[in-house]
Amino acid sequence: MRMLLKVKFHHDTFNTAVKDGSVGRKMKQILDETKPEATYFTELEGHRTAILIVDLADTSKIPSLCEPWFLHFQADCELRPVMTQADLAKAGLDELGKKWA
């Protein structure tokens, strides 16, 4: 299942990794292991934030997606299922609208 993983970094922990030069290595290690479909970095609510699109084949894989961020950066993680335009087209909204209107 395609999931949006939002990773919000805490300033102190991330700043320490930037200052000691380990942030790039840690990010690369996590992203190489996770193999996201897409990764974006932004600011949300005053925090450095990563937004990843990942494939979650099984819910037992949630720890493998989140634990690296928790352990390396003490980050907060949120997961949400997402769809592409093609997925939405297959959802049958017209039929659902007729059924539930």
N, C-alpha and C. Protein backbone atom coordinates (compact mmCIF):
# COMPACT_ATOMS: atom_id res chain seq x y z
N MET A 1 0.85 -1.16 0.00
CA MET A 1 0.00 0.00 0.00
C MET A 1 0.91 1.24 0.00
N ARG A 2 0.55 2.21 -0.81
CA ARG A 2 1.30 3.45 -0.88
C ARG A 2 0.94 4.30 0.34
N MET A 3 2.00 4.77 1.04
CA MET A 3 1.81 5.54 2.26
C MET A 3 2.62 6.83 2.18
N LEU A 4 2.08 7.88 2.79
CA LEU A 4 2.82 9.11 2.98
C LEU A 4 3.39 9.05 4.39
N LEU A 5 4.70 9.16 4.49
CA LEU A 5 5.39 9.17 5.78
C LEU A 5 5.91 10.57 6.02
N LYS A 6 5.39 11.23 7.05
CA LYS A 6 5.85 12.57 7.42
C LYS A 6 6.78 12.42 8.62
N VAL A 7 8.00 12.95 8.47
CA VAL A 7 9.01 12.87 9.52
C VAL A 7 9.34 14.29 9.96
N LYS A 8 9.00 14.62 11.21
CA LYS A 8 9.27 15.96 11.75
C LYS A 8 10.46 15.85 12.71
N PHE A 9 11.51 16.63 12.41
CA PHE A 9 12.75 16.57 13.17
C PHE A 9 12.74 17.58 14.30
N HIS A 10 13.26 17.17 15.44
CA HIS A 10 13.43 18.08 16.57
C HIS A 10 14.74 18.84 16.38
N HIS A 11 14.72 20.11 16.68
CA HIS A 11 15.86 20.98 16.40
C HIS A 11 17.15 20.50 17.04
N ASP A 12 17.13 20.21 18.33
CA ASP A 12 18.37 19.88 19.04
C ASP A 12 19.07 18.67 18.44
N THR A 13 18.34 17.59 18.24
CA THR A 13 18.94 16.36 17.74
C THR A 13 19.45 16.54 16.32
N PHE A 14 18.64 17.19 15.47
CA PHE A 14 19.05 17.39 14.08
C PHE A 14 20.24 18.35 14.01
N ASN A 15 20.20 19.42 14.81
CA ASN A 15 21.32 20.37 14.82
C ASN A 15 22.62 19.68 15.23
N THR A 16 22.55 18.79 16.21
CA THR A 16 23.73 18.06 16.64
C THR A 16 24.30 17.23 15.49
N ALA A 17 23.42 16.55 14.74
CA ALA A 17 23.87 15.74 13.60
C ALA A 17 24.47 16.61 12.50
N VAL A 18 23.92 17.79 12.30
CA VAL A 18 24.49 18.72 11.32
C VAL A 18 25.87 19.17 11.78
N LYS A 19 25.98 19.55 13.03
CA LYS A 19 27.24 20.07 13.56
C LYS A 19 28.35 19.02 13.61
N ASP A 20 27.99 17.76 13.92
CA ASP A 20 29.04 16.74 14.00
C ASP A 20 29.30 16.06 12.65
N GLY A 21 28.57 16.49 11.62
CA GLY A 21 28.82 15.98 10.27
C GLY A 21 28.22 14.62 9.97
N SER A 22 27.32 14.13 10.81
CA SER A 22 26.75 12.79 10.60
C SER A 22 25.40 12.80 9.90
N VAL A 23 24.80 13.97 9.69
CA VAL A 23 23.43 14.03 9.16
C VAL A 23 23.34 13.41 7.77
N GLY A 24 24.26 13.71 6.88
CA GLY A 24 24.22 13.17 5.52
C GLY A 24 24.32 11.66 5.48
N ARG A 25 25.24 11.12 6.27
CA ARG A 25 25.42 9.66 6.32
C ARG A 25 24.17 8.98 6.87
N LYS A 26 23.61 9.54 7.93
CA LYS A 26 22.42 8.96 8.55
C LYS A 26 21.23 9.01 7.59
N MET A 27 21.03 10.16 6.95
CA MET A 27 19.93 10.30 5.97
C MET A 27 20.08 9.29 4.84
N LYS A 28 21.30 9.22 4.29
CA LYS A 28 21.54 8.30 3.17
C LYS A 28 21.27 6.86 3.57
N GLN A 29 21.72 6.48 4.74
CA GLN A 29 21.51 5.11 5.23
C GLN A 29 20.02 4.79 5.33
N ILE A 30 19.26 5.70 5.91
CA ILE A 30 17.82 5.47 6.08
C ILE A 30 17.12 5.43 4.72
N LEU A 31 17.41 6.39 3.87
CA LEU A 31 16.74 6.45 2.57
C LEU A 31 17.13 5.28 1.67
N ASP A 32 18.40 4.86 1.71
CA ASP A 32 18.82 3.68 0.94
C ASP A 32 18.09 2.43 1.39
N GLU A 33 17.87 2.31 2.68
CA GLU A 33 17.18 1.14 3.23
C GLU A 33 15.68 1.19 2.95
N THR A 34 15.10 2.36 3.09
CA THR A 34 13.65 2.53 2.94
C THR A 34 13.20 2.51 1.49
N LYS A 35 14.06 2.99 0.58
CA LYS A 35 13.75 3.05 -0.85
C LYS A 35 12.41 3.74 -1.14
N PRO A 36 12.26 5.00 -0.73
CA PRO A 36 11.00 5.70 -0.99
C PRO A 36 10.80 5.94 -2.48
N GLU A 37 9.54 5.98 -2.88
CA GLU A 37 9.18 6.32 -4.26
C GLU A 37 9.52 7.78 -4.54
N ALA A 38 9.33 8.63 -3.54
CA ALA A 38 9.66 10.05 -3.63
C ALA A 38 10.00 10.56 -2.24
N THR A 39 10.87 11.56 -2.19
CA THR A 39 11.26 12.18 -0.93
C THR A 39 11.32 13.69 -1.13
N TYR A 40 10.72 14.41 -0.21
CA TYR A 40 10.73 15.87 -0.25
C TYR A 40 11.11 16.39 1.13
N PHE A 41 11.85 17.48 1.16
CA PHE A 41 12.24 18.11 2.41
C PHE A 41 11.65 19.51 2.43
N THR A 42 11.08 19.88 3.56
CA THR A 42 10.40 21.17 3.68
C THR A 42 10.42 21.61 5.13
N GLU A 43 9.75 22.70 5.38
CA GLU A 43 9.52 23.20 6.73
C GLU A 43 8.03 23.08 6.99
N LEU A 44 7.65 22.51 8.12
CA LEU A 44 6.25 22.46 8.54
C LEU A 44 6.20 22.84 10.01
N GLU A 45 5.35 23.82 10.32
CA GLU A 45 5.15 24.26 11.69
C GLU A 45 6.47 24.60 12.39
N GLY A 46 7.40 25.18 11.63
CA GLY A 46 8.67 25.61 12.21
C GLY A 46 9.72 24.53 12.38
N HIS A 47 9.47 23.34 11.85
CA HIS A 47 10.40 22.23 11.99
C HIS A 47 10.87 21.73 10.62
N ARG A 48 12.12 21.31 10.56
CA ARG A 48 12.58 20.59 9.38
C ARG A 48 11.71 19.35 9.26
N THR A 49 11.30 19.04 8.03
CA THR A 49 10.38 17.93 7.82
C THR A 49 10.74 17.21 6.53
N ALA A 50 10.65 15.90 6.57
CA ALA A 50 10.78 15.07 5.36
C ALA A 50 9.42 14.45 5.08
N ILE A 51 9.05 14.43 3.81
CA ILE A 51 7.83 13.78 3.38
C ILE A 51 8.23 12.72 2.36
N LEU A 52 7.91 11.48 2.67
CA LEU A 52 8.29 10.37 1.82
C LEU A 52 7.05 9.63 1.35
N ILE A 53 7.09 9.13 0.15
CA ILE A 53 6.08 8.20 -0.35
C ILE A 53 6.74 6.83 -0.35
N VAL A 54 6.18 5.92 0.42
CA VAL A 54 6.78 4.59 0.60
C VAL A 54 5.74 3.51 0.34
N ASP A 55 6.22 2.32 0.05
CA ASP A 55 5.34 1.17 -0.13
C ASP A 55 5.33 0.38 1.17
N LEU A 56 4.15 0.17 1.71
CA LEU A 56 4.00 -0.61 2.94
C LEU A 56 3.31 -1.91 2.57
N ALA A 57 4.09 -2.94 2.36
CA ALA A 57 3.55 -4.23 1.94
C ALA A 57 2.78 -4.90 3.07
N ASP A 58 3.17 -4.63 4.31
CA ASP A 58 2.57 -5.30 5.46
C ASP A 58 2.71 -4.37 6.65
N THR A 59 1.69 -4.31 7.49
CA THR A 59 1.75 -3.40 8.64
C THR A 59 2.89 -3.75 9.61
N SER A 60 3.38 -4.97 9.57
CA SER A 60 4.51 -5.34 10.43
C SER A 60 5.79 -4.61 10.01
N LYS A 61 5.77 -3.95 8.88
CA LYS A 61 6.93 -3.20 8.40
C LYS A 61 6.95 -1.75 8.91
N ILE A 62 5.91 -1.34 9.62
CA ILE A 62 5.88 0.03 10.14
C ILE A 62 7.12 0.35 10.98
N PRO A 63 7.53 -0.52 11.90
CA PRO A 63 8.74 -0.21 12.66
C PRO A 63 9.98 -0.02 11.78
N SER A 64 10.10 -0.79 10.70
CA SER A 64 11.28 -0.63 9.85
C SER A 64 11.26 0.70 9.12
N LEU A 65 10.09 1.31 8.94
CA LEU A 65 10.00 2.63 8.33
C LEU A 65 10.27 3.75 9.33
N CYS A 66 9.80 3.58 10.57
CA CYS A 66 9.85 4.67 11.54
C CYS A 66 11.02 4.61 12.51
N GLU A 67 11.42 3.43 12.93
CA GLU A 67 12.47 3.32 13.96
C GLU A 67 13.76 4.03 13.59
N PRO A 68 14.23 3.95 12.34
CA PRO A 68 15.48 4.67 12.04
C PRO A 68 15.38 6.17 12.31
N TRP A 69 14.22 6.75 12.00
CA TRP A 69 14.03 8.18 12.25
C TRP A 69 13.96 8.46 13.74
N PHE A 70 13.28 7.59 14.50
CA PHE A 70 13.20 7.74 15.95
C PHE A 70 14.60 7.66 16.57
N LEU A 71 15.34 6.63 16.18
CA LEU A 71 16.62 6.35 16.83
C LEU A 71 17.72 7.33 16.45
N HIS A 72 17.78 7.73 15.17
CA HIS A 72 18.84 8.65 14.74
C HIS A 72 18.53 10.11 15.05
N PHE A 73 17.27 10.50 14.97
CA PHE A 73 16.93 11.91 15.06
C PHE A 73 15.87 12.26 16.11
N GLN A 74 15.37 11.27 16.84
CA GLN A 74 14.27 11.49 17.78
C GLN A 74 13.11 12.21 17.08
N ALA A 75 12.87 11.84 15.84
CA ALA A 75 11.84 12.48 15.02
C ALA A 75 10.46 11.95 15.36
N ASP A 76 9.46 12.74 15.01
CA ASP A 76 8.06 12.30 15.08
C ASP A 76 7.67 11.82 13.70
N CYS A 77 6.99 10.67 13.63
CA CYS A 77 6.58 10.09 12.35
C CYS A 77 5.06 9.93 12.31
N GLU A 78 4.50 10.23 11.16
CA GLU A 78 3.07 10.00 10.91
C GLU A 78 2.94 9.29 9.58
N LEU A 79 2.07 8.29 9.52
CA LEU A 79 1.81 7.52 8.30
C LEU A 79 0.36 7.71 7.87
N ARG A 80 0.16 7.92 6.57
CA ARG A 80 -1.18 8.05 6.02
C ARG A 80 -1.24 7.30 4.69
N PRO A 81 -2.31 6.52 4.47
CA PRO A 81 -2.46 5.91 3.15
C PRO A 81 -2.78 6.99 2.12
N VAL A 82 -2.22 6.87 0.93
CA VAL A 82 -2.46 7.82 -0.15
C VAL A 82 -2.73 7.08 -1.44
N MET A 83 -3.36 7.79 -2.39
CA MET A 83 -3.69 7.21 -3.70
C MET A 83 -3.13 8.09 -4.80
N THR A 84 -2.85 7.48 -5.93
CA THR A 84 -2.53 8.22 -7.13
C THR A 84 -3.83 8.55 -7.84
N GLN A 85 -3.74 9.34 -8.89
CA GLN A 85 -4.93 9.66 -9.69
C GLN A 85 -5.52 8.38 -10.27
N ALA A 86 -4.66 7.45 -10.70
CA ALA A 86 -5.14 6.18 -11.26
C ALA A 86 -5.87 5.36 -10.19
N ASP A 87 -5.35 5.36 -8.96
CA ASP A 87 -6.02 4.65 -7.86
C ASP A 87 -7.41 5.23 -7.62
N LEU A 88 -7.49 6.56 -7.60
CA LEU A 88 -8.77 7.22 -7.36
C LEU A 88 -9.76 6.89 -8.48
N ALA A 89 -9.28 6.80 -9.71
CA ALA A 89 -10.16 6.47 -10.83
C ALA A 89 -10.76 5.08 -10.67
N LYS A 90 -10.05 4.17 -10.01
CA LYS A 90 -10.54 2.80 -9.80
C LYS A 90 -11.42 2.67 -8.57
N ALA A 91 -11.56 3.75 -7.80
CA ALA A 91 -12.26 3.69 -6.52
C ALA A 91 -13.78 3.54 -6.65
N GLY A 92 -14.33 3.84 -7.82
CA GLY A 92 -15.77 3.70 -8.01
C GLY A 92 -16.59 4.78 -7.33
N LEU A 93 -16.11 6.01 -7.36
CA LEU A 93 -16.82 7.10 -6.68
C LEU A 93 -18.21 7.34 -7.25
N ASP A 94 -18.36 7.21 -8.56
CA ASP A 94 -19.69 7.41 -9.16
C ASP A 94 -20.70 6.42 -8.59
N GLU A 95 -20.29 5.16 -8.51
CA GLU A 95 -21.18 4.14 -7.99
C GLU A 95 -21.45 4.34 -6.49
N LEU A 96 -20.44 4.74 -5.76
CA LEU A 96 -20.62 5.01 -4.34
C LEU A 96 -21.57 6.18 -4.12
N GLY A 97 -21.44 7.20 -4.98
CA GLY A 97 -22.33 8.34 -4.88
C GLY A 97 -23.79 7.94 -5.11
N LYS A 98 -24.02 7.06 -6.08
CA LYS A 98 -25.38 6.60 -6.37
C LYS A 98 -25.91 5.75 -5.22
N LYS A 99 -25.04 4.92 -4.68
CA LYS A 99 -25.45 4.02 -3.59
C LYS A 99 -25.78 4.78 -2.31
N TRP A 100 -25.02 5.79 -1.98
CA TRP A 100 -25.14 6.44 -0.69
C TRP A 100 -25.78 7.83 -0.74
N ALA A 101 -26.21 8.28 -1.91
CA ALA A 101 -26.83 9.61 -2.01
C ALA A 101 -28.26 9.58 -1.50
